[in-house]
Amino acid sequence: MEKEAVILIHGMGRSSRSMKSLERYLKTKGYLTYNQSYPSTVSQVERSSIHYINSALANIPHSISKIHFVTHSLGGILVRYYLSKHSIRKLGRIVMLAPPNQGSDVAEKYRAHFWYKWTTGVPGQQLHKTDNELLEKLKPISTEVGIIAGTSSSDPWFNHVFKSEHDGKVSVENTKLPEMKDMITVNHGHTFIMNKRKVKQYILNFLTSGNFYRHKKAV
C-alpha cells in the first residue's frame, strides 16, 4: 500500500508533546507523521502558519501518496490560513479538534485583559468573534474536513462565558465550517481531547473514509 502522511498541529500554549499520544497511535496505523512545536503564544497566526506548514511539507518524502492534517484548537486556523494562500499537492483530508473557526467566546470577553494578553500573546488577539479580520479573510477549504467538538468543560472558570454547549474554551457552534463534510461531538474538554481513545478512532475513521462513523463505532 502507498504510504500516507499526517501533519499534526498543536494548539495555543501547547507544544508537540500534547500531540505525542495521537502521533504514536497514527504511526501504529501506518502513517508517517510530522509533529513539531511552534511559538503559539508569540508569533502571528499568519507567520506561524506559513513557517510551520512549509517546514512540514519540506520534511515529507516525495513518495508519500497523500498528506492529511490533524489539528487541535489554534492549529485549525493555521491550516485554514495556509490553504487560503497556497495549494498543497497530494492534499488529503483534514480533521480539526475543537477549532475556534468562528472565534472563541473566551477571547471575545477577555482579550483586553492583561492576564489574557500575557498568557496568549499576539495569537490570542486574533481569536475574537466580532470584526475579526483574520477569520473573515479565510477562504473555504476545498478538501474534505471533519470537525470534532467537545461538550464537557475542561476550564470551568470560563463556563459563565458560554450560552450553549462548549468545551471550556470554544463553543460547539463556533467550531463549525459551512464546508465541513462531517462533524461529531464528544463528552470531553478542550485541553486533552486529542488523547481520548474514541477520539483517536474517529480521527482514523475520517482519514481513511471521510466519515467519522464509517467503521465500527468506538466505545
Protein backbone atom coordinates (compact mmCIF):
# COMPACT_ATOMS: atom_id res chain seq x y z
CA MET A 1 0.00 0.00 0.00
CA GLU A 2 1.11 3.56 -0.67
CA LYS A 3 2.30 5.46 2.38
CA GLU A 4 0.28 8.44 3.61
CA ALA A 5 1.39 11.27 5.91
CA VAL A 6 -0.31 13.23 8.68
CA ILE A 7 0.82 16.70 9.69
CA LEU A 8 -0.15 17.35 13.32
CA ILE A 9 -0.53 20.92 14.60
CA HIS A 10 -0.98 21.60 18.30
CA GLY A 11 -3.00 24.38 19.90
CA MET A 12 -2.26 27.62 21.70
CA GLY A 13 0.06 27.44 24.67
CA ARG A 14 0.89 23.80 23.97
CA SER A 15 3.77 22.01 22.29
CA SER A 16 4.34 18.95 20.16
CA ARG A 17 4.21 16.88 23.37
CA SER A 18 0.47 17.47 23.56
CA MET A 19 0.05 15.54 20.29
CA LYS A 20 2.51 12.74 21.06
CA SER A 21 -0.05 10.15 22.11
CA LEU A 22 -2.07 10.76 18.96
CA GLU A 23 1.11 10.69 16.89
CA ARG A 24 2.07 7.29 18.29
CA TYR A 25 -1.41 5.98 17.53
CA LEU A 26 -1.30 7.15 13.92
CA LYS A 27 2.15 5.63 13.45
CA THR A 28 0.81 2.25 14.57
CA LYS A 29 -1.80 2.59 11.81
CA GLY A 30 0.89 3.04 9.18
CA TYR A 31 1.02 6.81 8.78
CA LEU A 32 4.19 8.85 8.51
CA THR A 33 3.81 11.81 10.88
CA TYR A 34 5.18 15.31 11.33
CA ASN A 35 4.76 16.81 14.81
CA GLN A 36 6.81 19.80 15.93
CA SER A 37 6.37 22.74 18.28
CA TYR A 38 5.80 26.30 17.10
CA PRO A 39 5.60 29.63 19.05
CA SER A 40 1.83 29.53 19.53
CA THR A 41 1.72 32.44 22.01
CA VAL A 42 4.32 34.62 20.28
CA SER A 43 4.06 34.80 16.50
CA GLN A 44 1.06 35.94 14.50
CA VAL A 45 -1.10 33.14 13.14
CA GLU A 46 -0.13 34.10 9.60
CA ARG A 47 3.59 33.76 10.25
CA SER A 48 3.30 30.52 12.24
CA SER A 49 1.08 29.03 9.55
CA ILE A 50 3.47 29.62 6.66
CA HIS A 51 6.61 28.67 8.55
CA TYR A 52 5.22 25.53 10.18
CA ILE A 53 3.43 24.04 7.21
CA ASN A 54 6.24 24.85 4.76
CA SER A 55 8.67 23.13 7.14
CA ALA A 56 6.36 20.13 7.42
CA LEU A 57 5.97 19.79 3.67
CA ALA A 58 9.74 20.05 3.17
CA ASN A 59 10.21 17.09 5.51
CA ILE A 60 7.70 14.78 3.83
CA PRO A 61 9.15 12.41 1.22
CA HIS A 62 8.01 12.80 -2.39
CA SER A 63 6.92 9.17 -2.35
CA ILE A 64 4.04 9.93 0.02
CA SER A 65 0.69 9.48 -1.73
CA LYS A 66 -1.48 11.75 0.47
CA ILE A 67 -0.86 14.48 3.02
CA HIS A 68 -3.51 14.79 5.74
CA PHE A 69 -3.78 17.23 8.63
CA VAL A 70 -4.97 16.70 12.20
CA THR A 71 -5.13 19.89 14.23
CA HIS A 72 -6.03 20.95 17.74
CA SER A 73 -7.63 24.31 18.51
CA LEU A 74 -5.49 27.13 17.03
CA GLY A 75 -3.84 24.60 14.72
CA GLY A 76 -7.02 24.52 12.66
CA ILE A 77 -6.74 28.24 11.96
CA LEU A 78 -3.14 27.75 10.81
CA VAL A 79 -4.29 25.22 8.21
CA ARG A 80 -7.16 27.41 7.05
CA TYR A 81 -4.86 30.39 6.59
CA TYR A 82 -2.29 28.38 4.68
CA LEU A 83 -4.87 26.90 2.32
CA SER A 84 -6.31 30.37 1.75
CA LYS A 85 -2.94 31.37 0.31
CA HIS A 86 -1.42 28.17 -1.07
CA SER A 87 -2.33 24.83 -2.59
CA ILE A 88 -0.84 21.56 -1.41
CA ARG A 89 -0.08 18.81 -3.87
CA LYS A 90 -1.44 15.45 -2.73
CA LEU A 91 -3.63 17.11 -0.08
CA GLY A 92 -5.79 14.55 1.69
CA ARG A 93 -8.32 15.05 4.48
CA ILE A 94 -8.34 17.38 7.47
CA VAL A 95 -9.58 16.63 10.99
CA MET A 96 -9.94 19.59 13.34
CA LEU A 97 -10.24 19.05 17.08
CA ALA A 98 -12.04 21.86 18.94
CA PRO A 99 -11.13 24.56 16.39
CA PRO A 100 -12.19 28.18 17.05
CA ASN A 101 -13.31 28.55 13.45
CA GLN A 102 -15.78 31.32 14.27
CA GLY A 103 -13.70 32.68 17.14
CA SER A 104 -13.70 31.99 20.86
CA ASP A 105 -16.12 33.38 23.45
CA VAL A 106 -13.23 33.48 25.92
CA ALA A 107 -11.14 35.64 23.59
CA GLU A 108 -14.14 37.81 22.85
CA LYS A 109 -14.73 38.59 26.51
CA TYR A 110 -11.21 38.79 27.89
CA ARG A 111 -8.86 39.86 25.07
CA ALA A 112 -8.43 43.34 26.56
CA HIS A 113 -7.45 41.99 29.99
CA PHE A 114 -3.78 41.99 30.97
CA TRP A 115 -3.72 38.36 32.15
CA TYR A 116 -5.22 37.18 28.86
CA LYS A 117 -2.73 39.17 26.80
CA TRP A 118 0.13 37.89 28.94
CA THR A 119 -0.82 34.20 28.63
CA THR A 120 -1.93 34.09 24.98
CA GLY A 121 0.26 36.75 23.35
CA VAL A 122 -0.32 38.00 19.81
CA PRO A 123 -2.33 34.96 18.62
CA GLY A 124 -4.77 35.45 21.49
CA GLN A 125 -5.69 38.80 19.99
CA GLN A 126 -6.63 37.11 16.73
CA LEU A 127 -9.36 34.78 18.02
CA HIS A 128 -12.20 37.13 18.99
CA LYS A 129 -15.59 36.66 17.35
CA THR A 130 -16.63 40.12 16.15
CA ASP A 131 -14.90 42.17 13.45
CA ASN A 132 -12.10 39.64 13.14
CA GLU A 133 -10.03 40.50 10.07
CA LEU A 134 -8.12 37.22 10.13
CA LEU A 135 -11.15 34.93 10.26
CA GLU A 136 -13.12 37.00 7.75
CA LYS A 137 -10.46 36.62 5.05
CA LEU A 138 -10.08 32.84 5.33
CA LYS A 139 -11.37 31.00 2.27
CA PRO A 140 -13.45 27.79 2.24
CA ILE A 141 -11.36 24.61 2.31
CA SER A 142 -11.68 22.61 -0.89
CA THR A 143 -10.81 19.21 0.57
CA GLU A 144 -12.83 17.04 2.98
CA VAL A 145 -12.93 18.46 6.51
CA GLY A 146 -14.19 16.74 9.65
CA ILE A 147 -14.67 18.52 12.97
CA ILE A 148 -14.71 17.02 16.46
CA ALA A 149 -16.07 19.30 19.19
CA GLY A 150 -16.12 18.76 22.94
CA THR A 151 -19.16 19.22 25.18
CA SER A 152 -17.59 18.84 28.63
CA SER A 153 -15.72 21.81 30.09
CA SER A 154 -12.06 21.37 30.95
CA ASP A 155 -11.95 25.00 32.13
CA PRO A 156 -14.92 25.51 34.50
CA TRP A 157 -13.77 29.04 35.39
CA PHE A 158 -14.87 30.06 31.89
CA ASN A 159 -18.27 28.34 31.96
CA HIS A 160 -20.08 31.61 32.65
CA VAL A 161 -18.91 32.98 29.30
CA PHE A 162 -20.93 30.49 27.24
CA LYS A 163 -24.63 30.29 26.45
CA SER A 164 -24.58 26.95 24.63
CA GLU A 165 -22.63 23.67 24.58
CA HIS A 166 -18.88 24.15 24.88
CA ASP A 167 -15.60 22.50 25.90
CA GLY A 168 -14.38 25.24 28.23
CA LYS A 169 -12.66 27.28 25.52
CA VAL A 170 -14.77 27.06 22.36
CA SER A 171 -18.49 26.56 21.85
CA VAL A 172 -19.68 23.71 19.64
CA GLU A 173 -21.36 26.21 17.35
CA ASN A 174 -18.15 28.17 16.82
CA THR A 175 -16.18 25.11 15.72
CA LYS A 176 -18.31 24.69 12.60
CA LEU A 177 -17.47 25.44 8.98
CA PRO A 178 -20.03 25.66 6.16
CA GLU A 179 -17.91 23.33 4.02
CA MET A 180 -17.33 20.62 6.66
CA LYS A 181 -18.18 17.15 5.44
CA ASP A 182 -18.81 15.60 8.85
CA MET A 183 -18.98 16.71 12.47
CA ILE A 184 -19.24 14.88 15.77
CA THR A 185 -19.37 15.90 19.42
CA VAL A 186 -17.70 14.05 22.28
CA ASN A 187 -18.14 14.39 26.02
CA HIS A 188 -14.63 15.73 26.62
CA GLY A 189 -12.97 19.05 27.37
CA HIS A 190 -10.81 21.25 25.19
CA THR A 191 -7.37 20.66 26.64
CA PHE A 192 -6.93 16.90 26.35
CA ILE A 193 -9.49 15.96 23.71
CA MET A 194 -6.77 14.56 21.42
CA ASN A 195 -5.76 11.91 23.97
CA LYS A 196 -9.13 10.17 24.24
CA ARG A 197 -9.33 6.69 22.76
CA LYS A 198 -12.60 7.14 20.94
CA VAL A 199 -11.42 10.48 19.52
CA LYS A 200 -8.38 8.74 18.04
CA GLN A 201 -10.67 6.14 16.47
CA TYR A 202 -12.90 8.84 14.99
CA ILE A 203 -9.83 10.55 13.54
CA LEU A 204 -8.68 7.32 11.93
CA ASN A 205 -12.16 6.71 10.53
CA PHE A 206 -12.25 10.10 8.87
CA LEU A 207 -8.75 9.90 7.46
CA THR A 208 -9.50 6.55 5.86
CA SER A 209 -13.09 7.11 4.75
CA GLY A 210 -14.13 10.75 5.08
CA ASN A 211 -16.73 9.83 7.69
CA PHE A 212 -16.45 9.54 11.46
CA TYR A 213 -18.77 6.51 11.56
CA ARG A 214 -17.55 4.62 8.52
CA HIS A 215 -16.19 1.82 10.70
CA LYS A 216 -17.48 0.27 13.90
CA LYS A 217 -18.31 2.98 16.42
CA ALA A 218 -15.65 3.39 19.12
CA VAL A 219 -16.72 2.78 22.71
